[in-house]
Amino acid sequence: MICTLCGSTNVKFLEVAGDKRKYYFCQSCYLVFVDPNFHLPLEQEKIRYEFHNNSDKDTGYVKFLDQVIYPTLPFLNSGMIGLDYGCGPNPTLSGLLAKLHLTCHNFDPLFGFSHPRQVYDFLFATETVEHFRIPKSDFLKMDKLLKPKGYLSIMTDHWESLDQFANWYYRRDVTHVSFFHKNTFAFICAHLGYELKYGDGQRVVVMQKL
């Protein structure tokens, strides 16, 4: 098996009792990923996303997004233009940023959102990267959309230990196929040319493209 992020063969099978899906742990970049044979068909995955009823009227969801918005704000200004990469069927983050006088477009080809620009000053990927089937490809796509010195803010729950992983609620969502450790983001920074500007070690990272 080859790691879907770094391409390393330094990968070992990660047994999770009672789970039909097969998981692998990359000892080079610390990504845990699901065997591609267990990925849902895209149409089934889309149907699951459509059940998400997120909006700016849901105070709980707004509070959830605030976890990534407010650590990013010190790096942004009103002249910048950003992109919500993987906005889902009901874009919310862009509207919250508009209230803070920040322009953010929506992008999600699964739901008909296409970005109008070639490059952006900042990108948000909230609850998105865990759905990446080939993270290397998607991170390169995001990197190409980001200007030099631009900011990439990601929100995804981090796994902490392999013992914890087996009982982790985040693993149980069958649309989640890539799981990130804080060391995974350190690897991404080192190999794609980013500087970690903020990380809470649990869910949020803000990186600047060098």
C-alpha atoms as a PDB file:
ATOM      1  CA  MET A   1       0.000   0.000   0.000  1.00  0.00           C
ATOM      2  CA  ILE A   2       1.220   3.512  -0.866  1.00  0.00           C
ATOM      3  CA  CYS A   3       0.364   6.553   1.240  1.00  0.00           C
ATOM      4  CA  THR A   4      -2.234   8.737  -0.477  1.00  0.00           C
ATOM      5  CA  LEU A   5      -0.558  11.907   0.808  1.00  0.00           C
ATOM      6  CA  CYS A   6       3.205  11.471   0.683  1.00  0.00           C
ATOM      7  CA  GLY A   7       3.566   8.422  -1.583  1.00  0.00           C
ATOM      8  CA  SER A   8       5.638   6.529   0.961  1.00  0.00           C
ATOM      9  CA  THR A   9       5.546   2.751   1.197  1.00  0.00           C
ATOM     10  CA  ASN A  10       6.381   3.022   4.912  1.00  0.00           C
ATOM     11  CA  VAL A  11       2.772   2.104   5.647  1.00  0.00           C
ATOM     12  CA  LYS A  12       1.304  -0.443   7.989  1.00  0.00           C
ATOM     13  CA  PHE A  13      -2.142  -1.980   8.293  1.00  0.00           C
ATOM     14  CA  LEU A  14      -4.129  -0.590  11.211  1.00  0.00           C
ATOM     15  CA  GLU A  15      -6.618  -3.101  12.533  1.00  0.00           C
ATOM     16  CA  VAL A  16      -9.847  -1.712  13.986  1.00  0.00           C
ATOM     17  CA  ALA A  17     -11.952  -4.393  15.638  1.00  0.00           C
ATOM     18  CA  GLY A  18     -15.537  -4.570  14.438  1.00  0.00           C
ATOM     19  CA  ASP A  19     -14.980  -2.267  11.445  1.00  0.00           C
ATOM     20  CA  LYS A  20     -15.293  -3.689   7.941  1.00  0.00           C
ATOM     21  CA  ARG A  21     -13.198  -0.871   6.495  1.00  0.00           C
ATOM     22  CA  LYS A  22      -9.430  -1.320   6.242  1.00  0.00           C
ATOM     23  CA  TYR A  23      -7.175   1.446   7.530  1.00  0.00           C
ATOM     24  CA  TYR A  24      -3.505   2.167   6.975  1.00  0.00           C
ATOM     25  CA  PHE A  25      -1.083   4.289   8.968  1.00  0.00           C
ATOM     26  CA  CYS A  26       1.739   6.070   7.170  1.00  0.00           C
ATOM     27  CA  GLN A  27       4.796   6.133   9.408  1.00  0.00           C
ATOM     28  CA  SER A  28       6.356   8.888   7.286  1.00  0.00           C
ATOM     29  CA  CYS A  29       3.649  11.593   7.373  1.00  0.00           C
ATOM     30  CA  TYR A  30       1.275  10.215  10.051  1.00  0.00           C
ATOM     31  CA  LEU A  31      -1.743  10.141   7.772  1.00  0.00           C
ATOM     32  CA  VAL A  32      -4.258   7.403   8.523  1.00  0.00           C
ATOM     33  CA  PHE A  33      -6.291   6.544   5.450  1.00  0.00           C
ATOM     34  CA  VAL A  34      -9.003   4.142   4.357  1.00  0.00           C
ATOM     35  CA  ASP A  35      -8.310   1.491   1.739  1.00  0.00           C
ATOM     36  CA  PRO A  36      -9.749   2.884  -1.554  1.00  0.00           C
ATOM     37  CA  ASN A  37     -11.803  -0.295  -1.979  1.00  0.00           C
ATOM     38  CA  PHE A  38     -13.953   0.944   0.908  1.00  0.00           C
ATOM     39  CA  HIS A  39     -14.674   4.445  -0.425  1.00  0.00           C
ATOM     40  CA  LEU A  40     -18.348   5.214  -0.960  1.00  0.00           C
ATOM     41  CA  PRO A  41     -19.503   5.878  -4.527  1.00  0.00           C
ATOM     42  CA  LEU A  42     -19.561   9.655  -5.030  1.00  0.00           C
ATOM     43  CA  GLU A  43     -23.317   9.724  -5.561  1.00  0.00           C
ATOM     44  CA  GLN A  44     -23.914   8.034  -2.199  1.00  0.00           C
ATOM     45  CA  GLU A  45     -21.472  10.415  -0.556  1.00  0.00           C
ATOM     46  CA  LYS A  46     -23.280  13.407  -2.066  1.00  0.00           C
ATOM     47  CA  ILE A  47     -26.626  12.190  -0.717  1.00  0.00           C
ATOM     48  CA  ARG A  48     -25.161  12.070   2.786  1.00  0.00           C
ATOM     49  CA  TYR A  49     -23.877  15.635   2.471  1.00  0.00           C
ATOM     50  CA  GLU A  50     -27.307  16.825   1.380  1.00  0.00           C
ATOM     51  CA  PHE A  51     -28.683  15.797   4.771  1.00  0.00           C
ATOM     52  CA  HIS A  52     -26.460  18.433   6.401  1.00  0.00           C
ATOM     53  CA  ASN A  53     -28.731  21.341   7.222  1.00  0.00           C
ATOM     54  CA  ASN A  54     -26.073  23.900   8.070  1.00  0.00           C
ATOM     55  CA  SER A  55     -26.844  27.626   7.936  1.00  0.00           C
ATOM     56  CA  ASP A  56     -25.945  30.946   9.553  1.00  0.00           C
ATOM     57  CA  LYS A  57     -29.215  30.678  11.519  1.00  0.00           C
ATOM     58  CA  ASP A  58     -27.862  27.626  13.358  1.00  0.00           C
ATOM     59  CA  THR A  59     -26.014  29.186  16.295  1.00  0.00           C
ATOM     60  CA  GLY A  60     -24.245  25.933  17.077  1.00  0.00           C
ATOM     61  CA  TYR A  61     -22.863  25.661  13.559  1.00  0.00           C
ATOM     62  CA  VAL A  62     -21.812  29.326  13.548  1.00  0.00           C
ATOM     63  CA  LYS A  63     -19.966  28.779  16.824  1.00  0.00           C
ATOM     64  CA  PHE A  64     -18.350  25.712  15.278  1.00  0.00           C
ATOM     65  CA  LEU A  65     -17.050  27.728  12.283  1.00  0.00           C
ATOM     66  CA  ASP A  66     -15.855  30.510  14.584  1.00  0.00           C
ATOM     67  CA  GLN A  67     -13.177  28.085  15.760  1.00  0.00           C
ATOM     68  CA  VAL A  68     -11.382  28.478  12.417  1.00  0.00           C
ATOM     69  CA  ILE A  69     -12.535  31.985  11.460  1.00  0.00           C
ATOM     70  CA  TYR A  70     -11.208  33.880  14.476  1.00  0.00           C
ATOM     71  CA  PRO A  71      -7.681  32.380  14.543  1.00  0.00           C
ATOM     72  CA  THR A  72      -7.421  33.358  10.860  1.00  0.00           C
ATOM     73  CA  LEU A  73      -8.724  36.929  11.142  1.00  0.00           C
ATOM     74  CA  PRO A  74      -5.430  38.481  12.402  1.00  0.00           C
ATOM     75  CA  PHE A  75      -3.824  37.525   9.067  1.00  0.00           C
ATOM     76  CA  LEU A  76      -6.576  38.944   6.826  1.00  0.00           C
ATOM     77  CA  ASN A  77      -7.715  42.365   5.668  1.00  0.00           C
ATOM     78  CA  SER A  78     -10.721  43.685   3.747  1.00  0.00           C
ATOM     79  CA  GLY A  79      -8.778  43.981   0.484  1.00  0.00           C
ATOM     80  CA  MET A  80      -8.226  40.229   0.284  1.00  0.00           C
ATOM     81  CA  ILE A  81     -10.355  37.733  -1.636  1.00  0.00           C
ATOM     82  CA  GLY A  82     -10.721  34.169  -0.416  1.00  0.00           C
ATOM     83  CA  LEU A  83     -12.268  30.824  -1.273  1.00  0.00           C
ATOM     84  CA  ASP A  84     -14.241  28.313   0.760  1.00  0.00           C
ATOM     85  CA  TYR A  85     -12.830  25.081  -0.697  1.00  0.00           C
ATOM     86  CA  GLY A  86     -15.493  22.401  -0.300  1.00  0.00           C
ATOM     87  CA  CYS A  87     -18.333  24.674   0.802  1.00  0.00           C
ATOM     88  CA  GLY A  88     -20.987  21.942   0.646  1.00  0.00           C
ATOM     89  CA  PRO A  89     -24.616  22.293  -0.443  1.00  0.00           C
ATOM     90  CA  ASN A  90     -25.398  25.169   1.946  1.00  0.00           C
ATOM     91  CA  PRO A  91     -22.446  27.618   1.993  1.00  0.00           C
ATOM     92  CA  THR A  92     -22.275  29.417   5.321  1.00  0.00           C
ATOM     93  CA  LEU A  93     -18.701  30.465   5.980  1.00  0.00           C
ATOM     94  CA  SER A  94     -18.621  32.985   3.120  1.00  0.00           C
ATOM     95  CA  GLY A  95     -21.667  34.740   4.562  1.00  0.00           C
ATOM     96  CA  LEU A  96     -20.107  34.928   8.015  1.00  0.00           C
ATOM     97  CA  LEU A  97     -16.955  36.420   6.505  1.00  0.00           C
ATOM     98  CA  ALA A  98     -19.031  38.958   4.552  1.00  0.00           C
ATOM     99  CA  LYS A  99     -20.353  40.254   7.888  1.00  0.00           C
ATOM    100  CA  LEU A 100     -16.696  40.830   8.816  1.00  0.00           C
ATOM    101  CA  HIS A 101     -16.133  42.757   5.534  1.00  0.00           C
ATOM    102  CA  LEU A 102     -14.208  39.927   3.889  1.00  0.00           C
ATOM    103  CA  THR A 103     -14.953  38.607   0.394  1.00  0.00           C
ATOM    104  CA  CYS A 104     -14.997  34.831   0.064  1.00  0.00           C
ATOM    105  CA  HIS A 105     -16.224  32.802  -2.914  1.00  0.00           C
ATOM    106  CA  ASN A 106     -17.652  29.291  -2.723  1.00  0.00           C
ATOM    107  CA  PHE A 107     -16.232  26.196  -4.384  1.00  0.00           C
ATOM    108  CA  ASP A 108     -17.639  22.692  -4.433  1.00  0.00           C
ATOM    109  CA  PRO A 109     -17.943  20.936  -7.808  1.00  0.00           C
ATOM    110  CA  LEU A 110     -20.127  18.256  -6.234  1.00  0.00           C
ATOM    111  CA  PHE A 111     -22.816  20.922  -5.698  1.00  0.00           C
ATOM    112  CA  GLY A 112     -22.239  23.162  -8.705  1.00  0.00           C
ATOM    113  CA  PHE A 113     -20.067  25.842  -7.091  1.00  0.00           C
ATOM    114  CA  SER A 114     -17.142  26.862  -9.310  1.00  0.00           C
ATOM    115  CA  HIS A 115     -14.569  29.465  -8.317  1.00  0.00           C
ATOM    116  CA  PRO A 116     -14.403  32.568 -10.565  1.00  0.00           C
ATOM    117  CA  ARG A 117     -10.744  33.444 -10.007  1.00  0.00           C
ATOM    118  CA  GLN A 118      -7.385  31.804 -10.719  1.00  0.00           C
ATOM    119  CA  VAL A 119      -5.736  32.605  -7.388  1.00  0.00           C
ATOM    120  CA  TYR A 120      -6.808  33.758  -3.945  1.00  0.00           C
ATOM    121  CA  ASP A 121      -5.358  35.505  -0.913  1.00  0.00           C
ATOM    122  CA  PHE A 122      -6.763  32.927   1.483  1.00  0.00           C
ATOM    123  CA  LEU A 123      -8.490  29.548   1.434  1.00  0.00           C
ATOM    124  CA  PHE A 124     -10.653  27.876   4.034  1.00  0.00           C
ATOM    125  CA  ALA A 125     -11.196  24.108   4.045  1.00  0.00           C
ATOM    126  CA  THR A 126     -13.577  23.350   6.900  1.00  0.00           C
ATOM    127  CA  GLU A 127     -14.575  19.741   7.514  1.00  0.00           C
ATOM    128  CA  THR A 128     -13.318  18.995   4.011  1.00  0.00           C
ATOM    129  CA  VAL A 129      -9.865  17.403   4.026  1.00  0.00           C
ATOM    130  CA  GLU A 130     -11.067  14.276   5.827  1.00  0.00           C
ATOM    131  CA  HIS A 131     -13.097  13.554   2.671  1.00  0.00           C
ATOM    132  CA  PHE A 132     -10.054  13.764   0.375  1.00  0.00           C
ATOM    133  CA  ARG A 133      -9.575  10.405  -1.317  1.00  0.00           C
ATOM    134  CA  ILE A 134      -6.135  11.350  -2.610  1.00  0.00           C
ATOM    135  CA  PRO A 135      -4.973  14.136  -0.275  1.00  0.00           C
ATOM    136  CA  LYS A 136      -1.793  14.754  -2.273  1.00  0.00           C
ATOM    137  CA  SER A 137      -3.855  15.736  -5.319  1.00  0.00           C
ATOM    138  CA  ASP A 138      -6.237  18.020  -3.418  1.00  0.00           C
ATOM    139  CA  PHE A 139      -3.508  19.767  -1.451  1.00  0.00           C
ATOM    140  CA  LEU A 140      -1.699  20.491  -4.714  1.00  0.00           C
ATOM    141  CA  LYS A 141      -4.963  21.876  -6.146  1.00  0.00           C
ATOM    142  CA  MET A 142      -5.409  24.150  -3.128  1.00  0.00           C
ATOM    143  CA  ASP A 143      -1.788  25.235  -3.323  1.00  0.00           C
ATOM    144  CA  LYS A 144      -2.226  26.184  -6.976  1.00  0.00           C
ATOM    145  CA  LEU A 145      -5.251  28.342  -6.058  1.00  0.00           C
ATOM    146  CA  LEU A 146      -3.334  30.236  -3.382  1.00  0.00           C
ATOM    147  CA  LYS A 147      -1.137  33.273  -3.980  1.00  0.00           C
ATOM    148  CA  PRO A 148       2.397  33.357  -2.560  1.00  0.00           C
ATOM    149  CA  LYS A 149       2.163  34.513   1.070  1.00  0.00           C
ATOM    150  CA  GLY A 150      -1.494  33.478   1.067  1.00  0.00           C
ATOM    151  CA  TYR A 151      -3.163  31.678   3.972  1.00  0.00           C
ATOM    152  CA  LEU A 152      -4.663  28.208   4.139  1.00  0.00           C
ATOM    153  CA  SER A 153      -6.955  27.544   7.109  1.00  0.00           C
ATOM    154  CA  ILE A 154      -8.063  23.974   7.739  1.00  0.00           C
ATOM    155  CA  MET A 155     -10.497  22.540  10.240  1.00  0.00           C
ATOM    156  CA  THR A 156     -10.554  18.784  10.718  1.00  0.00           C
ATOM    157  CA  ASP A 157     -10.370  16.763  13.922  1.00  0.00           C
ATOM    158  CA  HIS A 158      -6.833  15.468  14.589  1.00  0.00           C
ATOM    159  CA  TRP A 159      -6.186  11.933  15.743  1.00  0.00           C
ATOM    160  CA  GLU A 160      -3.824  11.774  18.713  1.00  0.00           C
ATOM    161  CA  SER A 161      -2.786   8.151  19.189  1.00  0.00           C
ATOM    162  CA  LEU A 162      -3.318   4.865  17.386  1.00  0.00           C
ATOM    163  CA  ASP A 163      -4.917   3.433  20.541  1.00  0.00           C
ATOM    164  CA  GLN A 164      -7.398   6.317  20.582  1.00  0.00           C
ATOM    165  CA  PHE A 165      -8.150   5.954  16.885  1.00  0.00           C
ATOM    166  CA  ALA A 166     -10.087   2.686  17.244  1.00  0.00           C
ATOM    167  CA  ASN A 167     -12.735   4.285  19.468  1.00  0.00           C
ATOM    168  CA  TRP A 168     -12.713   7.718  17.853  1.00  0.00           C
ATOM    169  CA  TYR A 169     -16.118   9.078  16.825  1.00  0.00           C
ATOM    170  CA  TYR A 170     -14.623  10.858  13.790  1.00  0.00           C
ATOM    171  CA  ARG A 171     -13.558   7.544  12.271  1.00  0.00           C
ATOM    172  CA  ARG A 172     -17.127   6.232  12.255  1.00  0.00           C
ATOM    173  CA  ASP A 173     -18.370   8.624   9.574  1.00  0.00           C
ATOM    174  CA  VAL A 174     -18.109   6.508   6.419  1.00  0.00           C
ATOM    175  CA  THR A 175     -17.503   9.627   4.277  1.00  0.00           C
ATOM    176  CA  HIS A 176     -14.301  10.291   6.256  1.00  0.00           C
ATOM    177  CA  VAL A 177     -11.383   8.556   4.545  1.00  0.00           C
ATOM    178  CA  SER A 178      -8.284  10.603   5.506  1.00  0.00           C
ATOM    179  CA  PHE A 179      -7.309  11.356   9.088  1.00  0.00           C
ATOM    180  CA  PHE A 180      -4.686  13.903  10.059  1.00  0.00           C
ATOM    181  CA  HIS A 181      -2.275  14.169  12.987  1.00  0.00           C
ATOM    182  CA  LYS A 182      -0.460  17.354  14.000  1.00  0.00           C
ATOM    183  CA  ASN A 183       2.653  15.703  12.532  1.00  0.00           C
ATOM    184  CA  THR A 184       0.822  15.371   9.209  1.00  0.00           C
ATOM    185  CA  PHE A 185       0.476  19.140   8.999  1.00  0.00           C
ATOM    186  CA  ALA A 186       4.134  19.556   9.922  1.00  0.00           C
ATOM    187  CA  PHE A 187       4.941  17.263   6.984  1.00  0.00           C
ATOM    188  CA  ILE A 188       2.684  19.275   4.640  1.00  0.00           C
ATOM    189  CA  CYS A 189       4.368  22.524   5.683  1.00  0.00           C
ATOM    190  CA  ALA A 190       7.832  21.099   5.138  1.00  0.00           C
ATOM    191  CA  HIS A 191       7.129  19.489   1.773  1.00  0.00           C
ATOM    192  CA  LEU A 192       4.742  21.986   0.162  1.00  0.00           C
ATOM    193  CA  GLY A 193       6.472  25.111   1.436  1.00  0.00           C
ATOM    194  CA  TYR A 194       4.219  26.508   4.157  1.00  0.00           C
ATOM    195  CA  GLU A 195       4.772  27.991   7.590  1.00  0.00           C
ATOM    196  CA  LEU A 196       2.467  26.996  10.429  1.00  0.00           C
ATOM    197  CA  LYS A 197       1.053  30.231  11.829  1.00  0.00           C
ATOM    198  CA  TYR A 198      -1.484  28.733  14.220  1.00  0.00           C
ATOM    199  CA  GLY A 199      -2.422  25.283  15.424  1.00  0.00           C
ATOM    200  CA  ASP A 200      -4.549  24.231  18.380  1.00  0.00           C
ATOM    201  CA  GLY A 201      -3.316  20.613  18.152  1.00  0.00           C
ATOM    202  CA  GLN A 202      -6.886  19.358  18.007  1.00  0.00           C
ATOM    203  CA  ARG A 203      -8.864  20.731  15.076  1.00  0.00           C
ATOM    204  CA  VAL A 204      -7.558  23.938  13.483  1.00  0.00           C
ATOM    205  CA  VAL A 205      -4.401  24.907  11.606  1.00  0.00           C
ATOM    206  CA  VAL A 206      -3.558  28.129   9.779  1.00  0.00           C
ATOM    207  CA  MET A 207      -0.633  27.914   7.358  1.00  0.00           C
ATOM    208  CA  GLN A 208       1.026  30.567   5.195  1.00  0.00           C
ATOM    209  CA  LYS A 209       2.372  29.763   1.766  1.00  0.00           C
ATOM    210  CA  LEU A 210       6.015  30.785   1.455  1.00  0.00           C
END
